[in-house]
Amino acid sequence: MAKMPRAIGTGSARNSAAGREQGEVMSDYTELDKKQDVHILHSMGYAQELERRMSSFSNFAVSFSIICILSGGINSLAQATSGAGGAAIGIGWPVGCFISLVFAVAMAQISSAYPTAGGLYHWGSILGNRFTGWLTAWFNLLGLVTVLGAINVGTYYFFMGSFGTTYLGLTDTITVRIIFLVIITGAQALVNHMGIGLTAKLTDFSGYLIFATAIALAAVCLLSAPSYEFGRLFNFANYSGEVGGSVWPSTSGAWVFLLGLLLPIYTITGYDASAHTSEETVKAAHSVPRGMVASVLWSALFGYIMLCAFVLMLPNMDDAAKQGWNVFFWAMDSQVNPVVKDILYLAIFVSQWLCGLATVTSVSRMIFAFSRDGGLPASKALSKVSPQYRTPVAAIWTGSILSVLFVWFTSLDFVKIGDTPVYTIVVSCTVIFLFFSFAIPITLGLFAWGTSKWDKMGPWNLGEGLFKLFAVLSIIAMVLIFVLGVQPPNGAALYVTVGFLLLTAIVWFGFERRRFKGPPIGAEVAKRQAEIAAAEAAVGESGER
């Protein structure tokens, strides 16, 4: 599916070639549509430097690929099976998915009005002020970098459990782990480097692959099930402590069920990628909110089918709980034909790699968007777009390298808080950071609706009453996520989060409050028009004609 990099030529030649290729795929994307997309971007003070080559499906697929029920849904499965048992899936999965959905719906409303790369940062600034935008950016950026590392670590452990140990005789060491991460993360960065066209093709493929593999896995599980005890999907148990492989410390049955909600909440995230790729998506004001909400709904549905089938396949819930984090491989080894199992493993592994690929896209667009307003060190370099590939090359490689360095440093034996590795604690904070970055602009939007800060809605419009309902639900959900995210064995996540907030306050009041200007607003937008024309000419973009 890969294509050769386009040779550097005249801007008009490149645009004509891209236009012909784009026209074949998106024939309904007219010149008027393009002018409208570019006009919206210009009205916010930004140039069309990135290339609009993502269809509505591609925008959906990039979020669907990051959510990837074959990644979080499998790698974090023990949070349910070693928690409240079958009910953690049968009841807990829909509840957790609904929690993610309320954020997605509220964000979709805002994304339709402000379809820009690094969307959350702009929403936080426009609906609030410079500080709330800057804070949103840092929460989102830290969450994205750490979640990229977590996704690829999950891919590493899945590879070790499926192929690495059995067929290659590999042993889990820090050296092996980091070499693996360097290889797969480097490949993900390279694909992103080569253009959004190639990345979109692969994430489109990923969307179909996840659908097909989830259904195939569900079918295999049902065919391999010793019996169909549907009642186990709604039976509550308490496998906290040793009976559940010590995945959760000993606690009450009600509390362990709530902790199990972290499985769907952790899995169904990353849909902000639709917003981050707004400037590369056609008809962004329409496509982005639809892609965001649809990715959550389809992931929730197919994830539910897949995980329910897996629970039905388990020979015994008590034995499954004892396996702890190894429950998926234990069940597949004991119940599924080896050849069929390896074929499924290969499809899951590819899906997980593509999940990381889409996350690199999301991370890099956040870095690019924040940098073009001077929000990061070396912003000038990080916001530069390659004229050849029309991608933010420095941002792509910076985000990828930081994710590997994060995993390496936090995996060192001496980097612990008590008996818990810092890596485990920070990954728990990842969910908190990401959802904080979602909740800040949503909360601001709750109060900004109808004011001068937000007096014009996009074409995807819930109406005031429904948006405010979802905004309030998002705030309640954020409180729940924070409380669950700082519970043992990740109790130190509370101190890491509070420490980050204190550090943020020091940096803002000590340095950034005087330096950081935020996104262009009001008269500043008009002043940027000459810069916009120059930036578009530099990458061969014709701009708004």
Protein backbone atom coordinates (compact mmCIF):
# COMPACT_ATOMS: atom_id res chain seq x y z
CA MET A 1 0.00 0.00 0.00
CA ALA A 2 3.03 2.27 0.33
CA LYS A 3 3.74 4.87 -2.30
CA MET A 4 7.02 6.42 -3.38
CA PRO A 5 7.74 9.86 -1.89
CA ARG A 6 6.74 12.66 -4.23
CA ALA A 7 9.65 14.44 -5.81
CA ILE A 8 10.20 18.08 -4.99
CA GLY A 9 8.84 20.17 -7.79
CA THR A 10 6.85 23.32 -8.29
CA GLY A 11 4.03 23.92 -5.86
CA SER A 12 1.44 24.00 -8.61
CA ALA A 13 2.65 20.71 -10.06
CA ARG A 14 2.48 19.00 -6.69
CA ASN A 15 -0.97 20.40 -5.98
CA SER A 16 -2.26 19.34 -9.39
CA ALA A 17 -1.01 15.79 -8.90
CA ALA A 18 -2.39 15.65 -5.39
CA GLY A 19 -5.65 17.13 -6.58
CA ARG A 20 -6.07 14.49 -9.29
CA GLU A 21 -5.36 11.68 -6.84
CA GLN A 22 -7.63 13.22 -4.25
CA GLY A 23 -10.36 13.74 -6.82
CA GLU A 24 -10.35 10.04 -7.65
CA VAL A 25 -10.94 9.14 -4.03
CA MET A 26 -13.16 12.04 -2.90
CA SER A 27 -15.06 13.12 -5.97
CA ASP A 28 -17.64 14.92 -3.85
CA TYR A 29 -15.01 17.30 -2.47
CA THR A 30 -15.53 20.37 -4.64
CA GLU A 31 -13.47 23.55 -5.02
CA LEU A 32 -16.17 25.31 -3.02
CA ASP A 33 -15.71 22.80 -0.19
CA LYS A 34 -11.97 23.36 -0.26
CA LYS A 35 -12.38 27.12 -0.17
CA GLN A 36 -14.71 26.79 2.79
CA ASP A 37 -12.23 24.59 4.69
CA VAL A 38 -9.36 26.97 4.01
CA HIS A 39 -11.49 30.04 4.77
CA ILE A 40 -12.33 28.66 8.23
CA LEU A 41 -8.63 28.03 8.87
CA HIS A 42 -7.65 31.52 7.65
CA SER A 43 -10.33 33.08 9.83
CA MET A 44 -8.61 31.53 12.83
CA GLY A 45 -5.23 32.95 11.77
CA TYR A 46 -3.57 29.83 10.37
CA ALA A 47 -2.18 28.77 7.00
CA GLN A 48 -3.15 25.63 5.11
CA GLU A 49 0.33 24.11 5.44
CA LEU A 50 -0.78 20.54 6.04
CA GLU A 51 -2.39 18.70 3.14
CA ARG A 52 -6.12 17.91 3.04
CA ARG A 53 -6.10 14.32 1.90
CA MET A 54 -8.17 12.61 4.58
CA SER A 55 -11.72 11.62 3.74
CA SER A 56 -14.48 11.47 6.31
CA PHE A 57 -13.83 7.74 6.69
CA SER A 58 -10.11 8.38 7.17
CA ASN A 59 -10.87 10.86 9.93
CA PHE A 60 -13.04 8.23 11.62
CA ALA A 61 -10.41 5.54 11.03
CA VAL A 62 -7.57 7.45 12.69
CA SER A 63 -9.56 7.69 15.95
CA PHE A 64 -10.92 4.14 15.61
CA SER A 65 -7.34 2.91 15.12
CA ILE A 66 -6.07 4.67 18.25
CA ILE A 67 -8.98 3.38 20.34
CA CYS A 68 -8.16 -0.10 18.92
CA ILE A 69 -10.22 -2.56 20.94
CA LEU A 70 -7.61 -5.17 19.98
CA SER A 71 -5.00 -3.22 21.94
CA GLY A 72 -6.42 -1.87 25.20
CA GLY A 73 -9.34 -4.30 25.16
CA ILE A 74 -6.95 -7.27 25.20
CA ASN A 75 -3.86 -5.96 26.98
CA SER A 76 -5.90 -4.56 29.91
CA LEU A 77 -8.40 -7.43 30.06
CA ALA A 78 -7.31 -8.56 33.53
CA GLN A 79 -8.74 -5.37 35.04
CA ALA A 80 -12.12 -7.02 34.44
CA THR A 81 -11.53 -10.78 34.72
CA SER A 82 -9.47 -10.33 37.90
CA GLY A 83 -11.89 -7.76 39.25
CA ALA A 84 -15.64 -8.19 39.21
CA GLY A 85 -15.51 -11.16 36.82
CA GLY A 86 -18.08 -11.56 34.05
CA ALA A 87 -20.18 -8.59 35.15
CA ALA A 88 -17.17 -6.32 34.60
CA ILE A 89 -17.66 -7.06 30.88
CA GLY A 90 -21.38 -7.71 30.56
CA ILE A 91 -22.34 -4.62 32.57
CA GLY A 92 -19.12 -2.70 33.14
CA TRP A 93 -18.06 -2.39 29.49
CA PRO A 94 -21.25 -0.54 28.37
CA VAL A 95 -21.11 1.72 31.43
CA GLY A 96 -17.45 2.61 30.86
CA CYS A 97 -18.03 3.17 27.14
CA PHE A 98 -20.88 5.55 27.93
CA ILE A 99 -18.52 7.55 30.14
CA SER A 100 -16.16 7.96 27.18
CA LEU A 101 -19.07 8.74 24.87
CA VAL A 102 -20.24 11.75 26.88
CA PHE A 103 -16.81 13.36 26.41
CA ALA A 104 -16.79 12.55 22.69
CA VAL A 105 -20.24 14.04 22.10
CA ALA A 106 -19.44 17.27 23.96
CA MET A 107 -16.08 17.59 22.17
CA ALA A 108 -17.75 16.95 18.82
CA GLN A 109 -19.93 20.03 19.30
CA ILE A 110 -16.85 22.21 19.87
CA SER A 111 -14.80 20.59 17.09
CA SER A 112 -17.42 21.49 14.51
CA ALA A 113 -17.09 25.16 15.39
CA TYR A 114 -13.27 25.16 15.61
CA PRO A 115 -11.80 22.52 13.27
CA THR A 116 -8.04 23.00 13.71
CA ALA A 117 -5.03 20.77 14.37
CA GLY A 118 -4.35 20.50 18.08
CA GLY A 119 -8.02 21.25 18.52
CA LEU A 120 -8.24 20.96 22.29
CA TYR A 121 -5.54 23.58 22.79
CA HIS A 122 -7.42 26.06 20.62
CA TRP A 123 -10.74 25.30 22.26
CA GLY A 124 -9.22 25.86 25.70
CA SER A 125 -7.80 29.20 24.55
CA ILE A 126 -10.80 30.53 22.61
CA LEU A 127 -13.45 29.48 25.11
CA GLY A 128 -11.29 30.47 28.06
CA ASN A 129 -8.01 32.37 27.96
CA ARG A 130 -4.30 31.97 27.33
CA PHE A 131 -3.75 30.05 30.56
CA THR A 132 -6.58 27.54 30.08
CA GLY A 133 -5.41 26.92 26.52
CA TRP A 134 -1.81 26.45 27.64
CA LEU A 135 -2.87 24.12 30.47
CA THR A 136 -5.06 22.07 28.12
CA ALA A 137 -2.17 21.75 25.69
CA TRP A 138 0.22 20.44 28.33
CA PHE A 139 -2.26 17.93 29.72
CA ASN A 140 -3.07 16.66 26.24
CA LEU A 141 0.54 16.59 25.09
CA LEU A 142 1.83 14.72 28.15
CA GLY A 143 -1.07 12.32 27.90
CA LEU A 144 -0.44 11.64 24.21
CA VAL A 145 3.32 11.11 24.58
CA THR A 146 2.90 8.72 27.50
CA VAL A 147 -0.01 6.88 25.91
CA LEU A 148 2.07 6.35 22.75
CA GLY A 149 4.71 4.72 24.94
CA ALA A 150 2.05 2.68 26.75
CA ILE A 151 0.46 1.49 23.50
CA ASN A 152 3.79 0.34 22.09
CA VAL A 153 4.76 -1.31 25.38
CA GLY A 154 1.44 -3.15 25.22
CA THR A 155 2.31 -4.21 21.67
CA TYR A 156 5.70 -5.42 22.92
CA TYR A 157 4.18 -7.58 25.64
CA PHE A 158 1.57 -8.94 23.25
CA PHE A 159 4.35 -9.83 20.80
CA MET A 160 6.35 -11.51 23.56
CA GLY A 161 3.33 -13.51 24.70
CA SER A 162 2.32 -14.57 21.19
CA PHE A 163 5.56 -14.99 19.22
CA GLY A 164 8.62 -13.57 20.99
CA THR A 165 9.07 -16.13 23.75
CA THR A 166 7.53 -19.17 22.06
CA TYR A 167 9.09 -18.90 18.60
CA LEU A 168 12.08 -16.60 19.03
CA GLY A 169 13.17 -17.51 22.54
CA LEU A 170 13.31 -13.86 23.64
CA THR A 171 13.47 -12.89 27.30
CA ASP A 172 11.86 -9.75 28.65
CA THR A 173 14.68 -7.39 29.59
CA ILE A 174 14.94 -3.61 29.45
CA THR A 175 17.36 -3.91 26.52
CA VAL A 176 15.04 -6.15 24.50
CA ARG A 177 12.06 -3.94 25.35
CA ILE A 178 13.72 -0.70 24.27
CA ILE A 179 15.18 -2.17 21.07
CA PHE A 180 11.72 -3.43 20.15
CA LEU A 181 10.20 -0.01 20.89
CA VAL A 182 12.87 1.80 18.89
CA ILE A 183 12.14 -0.41 15.86
CA ILE A 184 8.35 -0.22 15.89
CA THR A 185 8.13 3.44 16.95
CA GLY A 186 10.76 4.40 14.37
CA ALA A 187 8.73 2.63 11.66
CA GLN A 188 5.58 4.46 12.78
CA ALA A 189 7.39 7.80 12.68
CA LEU A 190 8.84 7.06 9.24
CA VAL A 191 5.42 6.32 7.75
CA ASN A 192 4.05 9.54 9.25
CA HIS A 193 7.08 11.42 7.93
CA MET A 194 6.30 10.32 4.37
CA GLY A 195 2.93 12.04 4.17
CA ILE A 196 -0.64 11.94 5.39
CA GLY A 197 -1.67 10.08 2.21
CA LEU A 198 0.25 6.94 3.17
CA THR A 199 -0.72 7.26 6.83
CA ALA A 200 -4.40 7.63 5.93
CA LYS A 201 -4.29 4.55 3.69
CA LEU A 202 -2.82 2.48 6.50
CA THR A 203 -5.25 3.75 9.12
CA ASP A 204 -8.13 3.12 6.69
CA PHE A 205 -6.84 -0.44 6.36
CA SER A 206 -6.53 -0.57 10.14
CA GLY A 207 -10.21 0.31 10.50
CA TYR A 208 -11.26 -2.63 8.34
CA LEU A 209 -8.71 -4.93 9.98
CA ILE A 210 -9.98 -4.15 13.49
CA PHE A 211 -13.58 -4.79 12.44
CA ALA A 212 -12.68 -8.09 10.76
CA THR A 213 -10.34 -9.34 13.47
CA ALA A 214 -12.73 -8.50 16.32
CA ILE A 215 -15.52 -10.45 14.60
CA ALA A 216 -13.18 -13.34 13.76
CA LEU A 217 -11.92 -13.48 17.35
CA ALA A 218 -15.49 -13.42 18.66
CA ALA A 219 -16.49 -16.24 16.29
CA VAL A 220 -13.48 -18.36 17.27
CA CYS A 221 -14.19 -17.80 20.96
CA LEU A 222 -17.82 -18.85 20.57
CA LEU A 223 -16.88 -21.92 18.52
CA SER A 224 -14.29 -22.88 21.14
CA ALA A 225 -16.55 -22.31 24.15
CA PRO A 226 -17.27 -25.46 26.20
CA SER A 227 -20.79 -24.13 26.87
CA TYR A 228 -22.76 -20.92 26.68
CA GLU A 229 -23.30 -19.68 30.21
CA PHE A 230 -24.71 -16.27 29.35
CA GLY A 231 -25.50 -15.69 33.01
CA ARG A 232 -21.78 -15.31 33.79
CA LEU A 233 -21.82 -11.99 31.87
CA PHE A 234 -24.02 -10.55 34.61
CA ASN A 235 -22.69 -12.37 37.66
CA PHE A 236 -20.76 -10.20 40.08
CA ALA A 237 -17.69 -11.63 41.77
CA ASN A 238 -14.83 -10.24 43.83
CA TYR A 239 -11.46 -11.44 42.59
CA SER A 240 -9.45 -8.70 44.24
CA GLY A 241 -6.29 -9.80 46.04
CA GLU A 242 -4.56 -13.16 45.51
CA VAL A 243 -7.62 -14.92 44.03
CA GLY A 244 -7.29 -12.55 41.06
CA GLY A 245 -3.55 -12.76 40.64
CA SER A 246 -3.15 -9.57 42.73
CA VAL A 247 -4.20 -7.37 39.80
CA TRP A 248 -6.19 -5.34 42.36
CA PRO A 249 -5.48 -5.15 46.09
CA SER A 250 -8.13 -6.74 48.31
CA THR A 251 -11.18 -4.49 48.39
CA SER A 252 -14.98 -4.59 48.39
CA GLY A 253 -17.03 -6.06 45.56
CA ALA A 254 -18.65 -2.75 44.69
CA TRP A 255 -15.32 -0.97 44.57
CA VAL A 256 -13.62 -3.62 42.44
CA PHE A 257 -16.46 -3.28 39.92
CA LEU A 258 -15.85 0.47 39.73
CA LEU A 259 -12.12 -0.12 39.27
CA GLY A 260 -12.94 -2.46 36.40
CA LEU A 261 -14.48 0.49 34.55
CA LEU A 262 -10.90 1.56 33.82
CA LEU A 263 -10.77 -1.20 31.17
CA PRO A 264 -13.33 0.44 28.83
CA ILE A 265 -12.36 3.98 29.88
CA TYR A 266 -8.68 3.35 29.13
CA THR A 267 -9.50 1.53 25.89
CA ILE A 268 -12.07 3.99 24.54
CA THR A 269 -9.85 7.05 24.40
CA GLY A 270 -7.79 8.70 21.66
CA TYR A 271 -10.80 9.93 19.70
CA ASP A 272 -9.36 13.44 19.96
CA ALA A 273 -7.22 12.33 17.00
CA SER A 274 -10.14 13.30 14.74
CA ALA A 275 -9.76 16.87 16.00
CA HIS A 276 -5.96 16.84 15.72
CA THR A 277 -6.19 15.92 12.03
CA SER A 278 -8.85 18.56 11.25
CA GLU A 279 -6.58 20.54 8.93
CA GLU A 280 -5.96 17.41 6.84
CA THR A 281 -9.62 16.36 6.65
CA VAL A 282 -12.04 17.40 3.92
CA LYS A 283 -15.23 19.15 5.07
CA ALA A 284 -13.68 19.18 8.53
CA ALA A 285 -16.54 20.98 10.29
CA HIS A 286 -18.83 18.09 9.25
CA SER A 287 -16.39 15.15 9.19
CA VAL A 288 -14.50 15.65 12.46
CA PRO A 289 -17.44 15.49 14.92
CA ARG A 290 -18.94 12.53 13.08
CA GLY A 291 -15.61 10.70 13.09
CA MET A 292 -15.15 11.34 16.78
CA VAL A 293 -18.55 10.05 17.88
CA ALA A 294 -18.70 7.18 15.38
CA SER A 295 -15.29 5.86 16.46
CA VAL A 296 -16.52 5.58 20.04
CA LEU A 297 -19.84 3.96 19.14
CA TRP A 298 -18.39 1.35 16.79
CA SER A 299 -15.54 0.55 19.17
CA ALA A 300 -18.01 0.11 22.02
CA LEU A 301 -20.23 -2.22 19.99
CA PHE A 302 -17.54 -4.43 18.44
CA GLY A 303 -15.56 -4.45 21.68
CA TYR A 304 -18.61 -5.65 23.56
CA ILE A 305 -19.25 -8.49 21.11
CA MET A 306 -15.59 -9.56 21.20
CA LEU A 307 -15.16 -9.43 24.98
CA CYS A 308 -18.49 -11.11 25.76
CA ALA A 309 -17.52 -13.96 23.44
CA PHE A 310 -14.17 -14.24 25.22
CA VAL A 311 -15.83 -14.45 28.64
CA LEU A 312 -18.16 -17.18 27.35
CA MET A 313 -15.14 -19.14 26.10
CA LEU A 314 -13.43 -19.25 29.50
CA PRO A 315 -13.51 -22.76 30.99
CA ASN A 316 -13.99 -21.39 34.49
CA MET A 317 -14.16 -17.83 35.83
CA ASP A 318 -12.27 -18.67 39.04
CA ASP A 319 -9.37 -20.22 37.12
CA ALA A 320 -9.37 -17.33 34.67
CA ALA A 321 -9.15 -14.77 37.47
CA LYS A 322 -6.10 -16.52 38.93
CA GLN A 323 -4.18 -15.96 35.69
CA GLY A 324 -4.04 -12.21 36.30
CA TRP A 325 -2.49 -10.32 33.38
CA ASN A 326 -1.90 -13.57 31.45
CA VAL A 327 -5.58 -14.43 31.16
CA PHE A 328 -5.87 -13.82 27.40
CA PHE A 329 -2.96 -16.08 26.43
CA TRP A 330 -4.00 -18.70 28.97
CA ALA A 331 -7.51 -18.91 27.53
CA MET A 332 -6.36 -18.91 23.92
CA ASP A 333 -3.73 -21.61 24.59
CA SER A 334 -6.22 -23.86 26.37
CA GLN A 335 -9.22 -23.44 24.07
CA VAL A 336 -8.17 -22.47 20.52
CA ASN A 337 -6.54 -24.43 17.70
CA PRO A 338 -2.82 -23.42 17.53
CA VAL A 339 -2.85 -22.48 13.83
CA VAL A 340 -6.04 -20.42 14.15
CA LYS A 341 -4.65 -18.85 17.30
CA ASP A 342 -1.43 -17.72 15.57
CA ILE A 343 -3.34 -16.24 12.63
CA LEU A 344 -5.44 -14.22 15.06
CA TYR A 345 -2.31 -13.20 16.97
CA LEU A 346 -0.72 -11.89 13.78
CA ALA A 347 -3.79 -9.82 12.90
CA ILE A 348 -3.95 -8.44 16.45
CA PHE A 349 -0.25 -7.58 16.42
CA VAL A 350 -0.58 -5.67 13.12
CA SER A 351 -3.64 -3.84 14.49
CA GLN A 352 -1.71 -2.84 17.60
CA TRP A 353 1.19 -1.51 15.49
CA LEU A 354 -1.26 0.51 13.41
CA CYS A 355 -2.76 1.82 16.66
CA GLY A 356 0.66 3.24 17.51
CA LEU A 357 0.99 4.63 13.98
CA ALA A 358 -2.22 6.64 14.35
CA THR A 359 -1.11 7.82 17.80
CA VAL A 360 2.12 9.22 16.34
CA THR A 361 -0.07 11.22 13.95
CA SER A 362 -2.11 12.60 16.84
CA VAL A 363 0.95 13.43 18.99
CA SER A 364 2.75 15.20 16.16
CA ARG A 365 -0.23 17.38 15.23
CA MET A 366 -0.59 18.46 18.85
CA ILE A 367 3.11 19.38 19.00
CA PHE A 368 2.85 21.18 15.65
CA ALA A 369 -0.23 23.20 16.64
CA PHE A 370 1.11 24.21 20.04
CA SER A 371 4.51 25.13 18.56
CA ARG A 372 3.21 27.40 15.82
CA ASP A 373 1.92 29.64 18.61
CA GLY A 374 5.25 29.44 20.44
CA GLY A 375 4.07 27.10 23.19
CA LEU A 376 7.11 24.79 23.27
CA PRO A 377 10.91 25.10 23.35
CA ALA A 378 12.33 25.14 19.80
CA SER A 379 8.83 26.04 18.54
CA LYS A 380 10.11 27.38 15.23
CA ALA A 381 11.63 24.03 14.30
CA LEU A 382 8.77 21.95 15.70
CA SER A 383 6.15 23.90 13.74
CA LYS A 384 7.97 23.62 10.41
CA VAL A 385 6.15 21.67 7.70
CA SER A 386 8.10 19.75 5.06
CA PRO A 387 7.42 21.17 1.56
CA GLN A 388 7.97 17.69 0.11
CA TYR A 389 5.80 15.61 2.40
CA ARG A 390 3.50 18.31 3.84
CA THR A 391 4.00 16.86 7.32
CA PRO A 392 5.47 18.37 10.53
CA VAL A 393 8.60 16.22 10.38
CA ALA A 394 10.37 17.56 13.49
CA ALA A 395 7.19 17.19 15.54
CA ILE A 396 6.73 13.59 14.36
CA TRP A 397 10.22 12.49 15.36
CA THR A 398 10.26 14.51 18.58
CA GLY A 399 7.03 12.96 19.88
CA SER A 400 8.20 9.47 18.91
CA ILE A 401 11.62 9.84 20.54
CA LEU A 402 10.12 11.28 23.73
CA SER A 403 7.75 8.31 24.04
CA VAL A 404 10.65 5.82 23.84
CA LEU A 405 12.74 7.84 26.31
CA PHE A 406 9.76 7.91 28.68
CA VAL A 407 9.48 4.12 28.60
CA TRP A 408 13.24 3.62 28.97
CA PHE A 409 13.68 5.94 31.94
CA THR A 410 10.60 4.79 33.85
CA SER A 411 11.50 1.12 33.28
CA LEU A 412 14.85 1.35 35.05
CA ASP A 413 14.99 -0.79 38.18
CA PHE A 414 15.83 2.07 40.52
CA VAL A 415 12.99 4.30 39.26
CA LYS A 416 10.24 3.26 41.65
CA ILE A 417 7.88 4.75 44.19
CA GLY A 418 7.72 2.15 46.93
CA ASP A 419 7.38 -1.21 45.18
CA THR A 420 5.54 0.19 42.15
CA PRO A 421 7.51 1.12 38.99
CA VAL A 422 7.13 4.75 37.98
CA TYR A 423 6.12 3.58 34.50
CA THR A 424 2.98 1.91 35.90
CA ILE A 425 2.10 5.00 37.90
CA VAL A 426 2.62 7.43 35.01
CA VAL A 427 0.53 5.29 32.65
CA SER A 428 -2.28 5.55 35.20
CA CYS A 429 -1.76 9.32 35.15
CA THR A 430 -2.01 9.22 31.35
CA VAL A 431 -5.74 8.58 31.53
CA ILE A 432 -6.15 11.41 34.04
CA PHE A 433 -4.08 13.84 31.93
CA LEU A 434 -5.97 13.02 28.72
CA PHE A 435 -9.41 13.34 30.26
CA PHE A 436 -8.42 16.57 32.01
CA SER A 437 -7.49 17.94 28.57
CA PHE A 438 -10.96 16.89 27.37
CA ALA A 439 -12.79 18.26 30.40
CA ILE A 440 -11.21 21.74 30.44
CA PRO A 441 -12.58 23.00 27.08
CA ILE A 442 -15.88 21.18 27.66
CA THR A 443 -16.31 22.96 31.00
CA LEU A 444 -15.35 26.29 29.43
CA GLY A 445 -17.84 25.66 26.64
CA LEU A 446 -20.57 25.07 29.21
CA PHE A 447 -20.20 28.67 30.37
CA ALA A 448 -19.15 30.24 27.05
CA TRP A 449 -22.18 29.06 25.03
CA GLY A 450 -23.99 32.07 23.57
CA THR A 451 -21.40 34.58 24.79
CA SER A 452 -19.00 36.56 22.61
CA LYS A 453 -16.47 33.74 23.04
CA TRP A 454 -18.78 31.20 21.42
CA ASP A 455 -21.62 32.82 19.57
CA LYS A 456 -21.40 30.79 16.35
CA MET A 457 -21.94 27.04 16.22
CA GLY A 458 -20.65 24.65 13.59
CA PRO A 459 -22.87 22.58 11.28
CA TRP A 460 -22.82 19.68 13.78
CA ASN A 461 -25.01 21.20 16.46
CA LEU A 462 -26.66 19.45 19.41
CA GLY A 463 -28.45 22.56 20.60
CA GLU A 464 -27.80 24.32 23.87
CA GLY A 465 -29.75 22.02 26.18
CA LEU A 466 -28.26 18.76 24.94
CA PHE A 467 -24.70 20.10 24.82
CA LYS A 468 -24.92 21.41 28.38
CA LEU A 469 -26.30 18.06 29.55
CA PHE A 470 -23.32 16.23 28.06
CA ALA A 471 -20.96 18.88 29.43
CA VAL A 472 -22.27 18.37 32.98
CA LEU A 473 -22.07 14.58 32.57
CA SER A 474 -18.46 15.01 31.39
CA ILE A 475 -17.56 16.93 34.55
CA ILE A 476 -19.13 14.24 36.75
CA ALA A 477 -17.32 11.56 34.74
CA MET A 478 -14.02 13.41 35.14
CA VAL A 479 -14.37 13.32 38.92
CA LEU A 480 -15.02 9.56 38.78
CA ILE A 481 -12.04 8.92 36.48
CA PHE A 482 -9.73 10.92 38.73
CA VAL A 483 -10.86 9.05 41.85
CA LEU A 484 -10.49 5.63 40.17
CA GLY A 485 -7.16 6.52 38.59
CA VAL A 486 -5.41 7.24 41.89
CA GLN A 487 -6.46 4.09 43.73
CA PRO A 488 -3.98 1.34 44.77
CA PRO A 489 -1.88 -0.12 43.26
CA ASN A 490 -1.54 3.26 41.58
CA GLY A 491 -2.07 5.38 44.68
CA ALA A 492 1.13 7.33 43.93
CA ALA A 493 -0.61 8.65 40.80
CA LEU A 494 -2.29 11.19 43.07
CA TYR A 495 1.06 12.62 44.11
CA VAL A 496 2.38 12.61 40.53
CA THR A 497 -0.73 14.48 39.36
CA VAL A 498 -0.58 17.01 42.20
CA GLY A 499 3.16 17.43 41.63
CA PHE A 500 2.56 18.10 37.95
CA LEU A 501 -0.08 20.70 38.79
CA LEU A 502 2.33 22.47 41.15
CA LEU A 503 5.10 22.39 38.54
CA THR A 504 2.67 23.74 35.96
CA ALA A 505 1.76 26.64 38.22
CA ILE A 506 5.43 27.47 38.79
CA VAL A 507 6.22 27.39 35.07
CA TRP A 508 3.18 29.48 34.14
CA PHE A 509 3.55 32.21 36.73
CA GLY A 510 7.34 32.18 36.60
CA PHE A 511 7.84 32.17 32.81
CA GLU A 512 4.95 31.55 30.44
CA ARG A 513 2.43 34.12 31.66
CA ARG A 514 4.60 36.94 30.27
CA ARG A 515 5.96 35.11 27.23
CA PHE A 516 3.15 32.96 25.80
CA LYS A 517 0.68 34.86 23.64
CA GLY A 518 -1.67 32.03 22.74
CA PRO A 519 -3.51 31.58 19.42
CA PRO A 520 -4.32 34.63 17.31
CA ILE A 521 -7.57 36.32 18.27
CA GLY A 522 -9.30 39.42 16.94
CA ALA A 523 -7.01 41.94 15.22
CA GLU A 524 -4.08 39.53 15.40
CA VAL A 525 -5.79 37.31 12.81
CA ALA A 526 -5.85 40.12 10.23
CA LYS A 527 -2.18 40.88 10.88
CA ARG A 528 -1.26 37.31 10.01
CA GLN A 529 -2.62 37.30 6.48
CA ALA A 530 0.74 38.09 4.88
CA GLU A 531 2.42 35.39 6.96
CA ILE A 532 -0.33 32.95 5.98
CA ALA A 533 0.24 33.60 2.26
CA ALA A 534 4.00 33.18 2.67
CA ALA A 535 3.64 29.95 4.66
CA GLU A 536 1.30 28.45 2.06
CA ALA A 537 3.56 29.49 -0.81
CA ALA A 538 6.52 27.81 0.95
CA VAL A 539 4.78 24.41 0.87
CA GLY A 540 3.17 24.87 -2.56
CA GLU A 541 -0.37 25.39 -1.31
CA SER A 542 -2.59 27.64 -3.42
CA GLY A 543 -4.62 28.67 -0.37
CA GLU A 544 -8.03 30.34 -0.48
CA ARG A 545 -8.71 31.45 -4.01
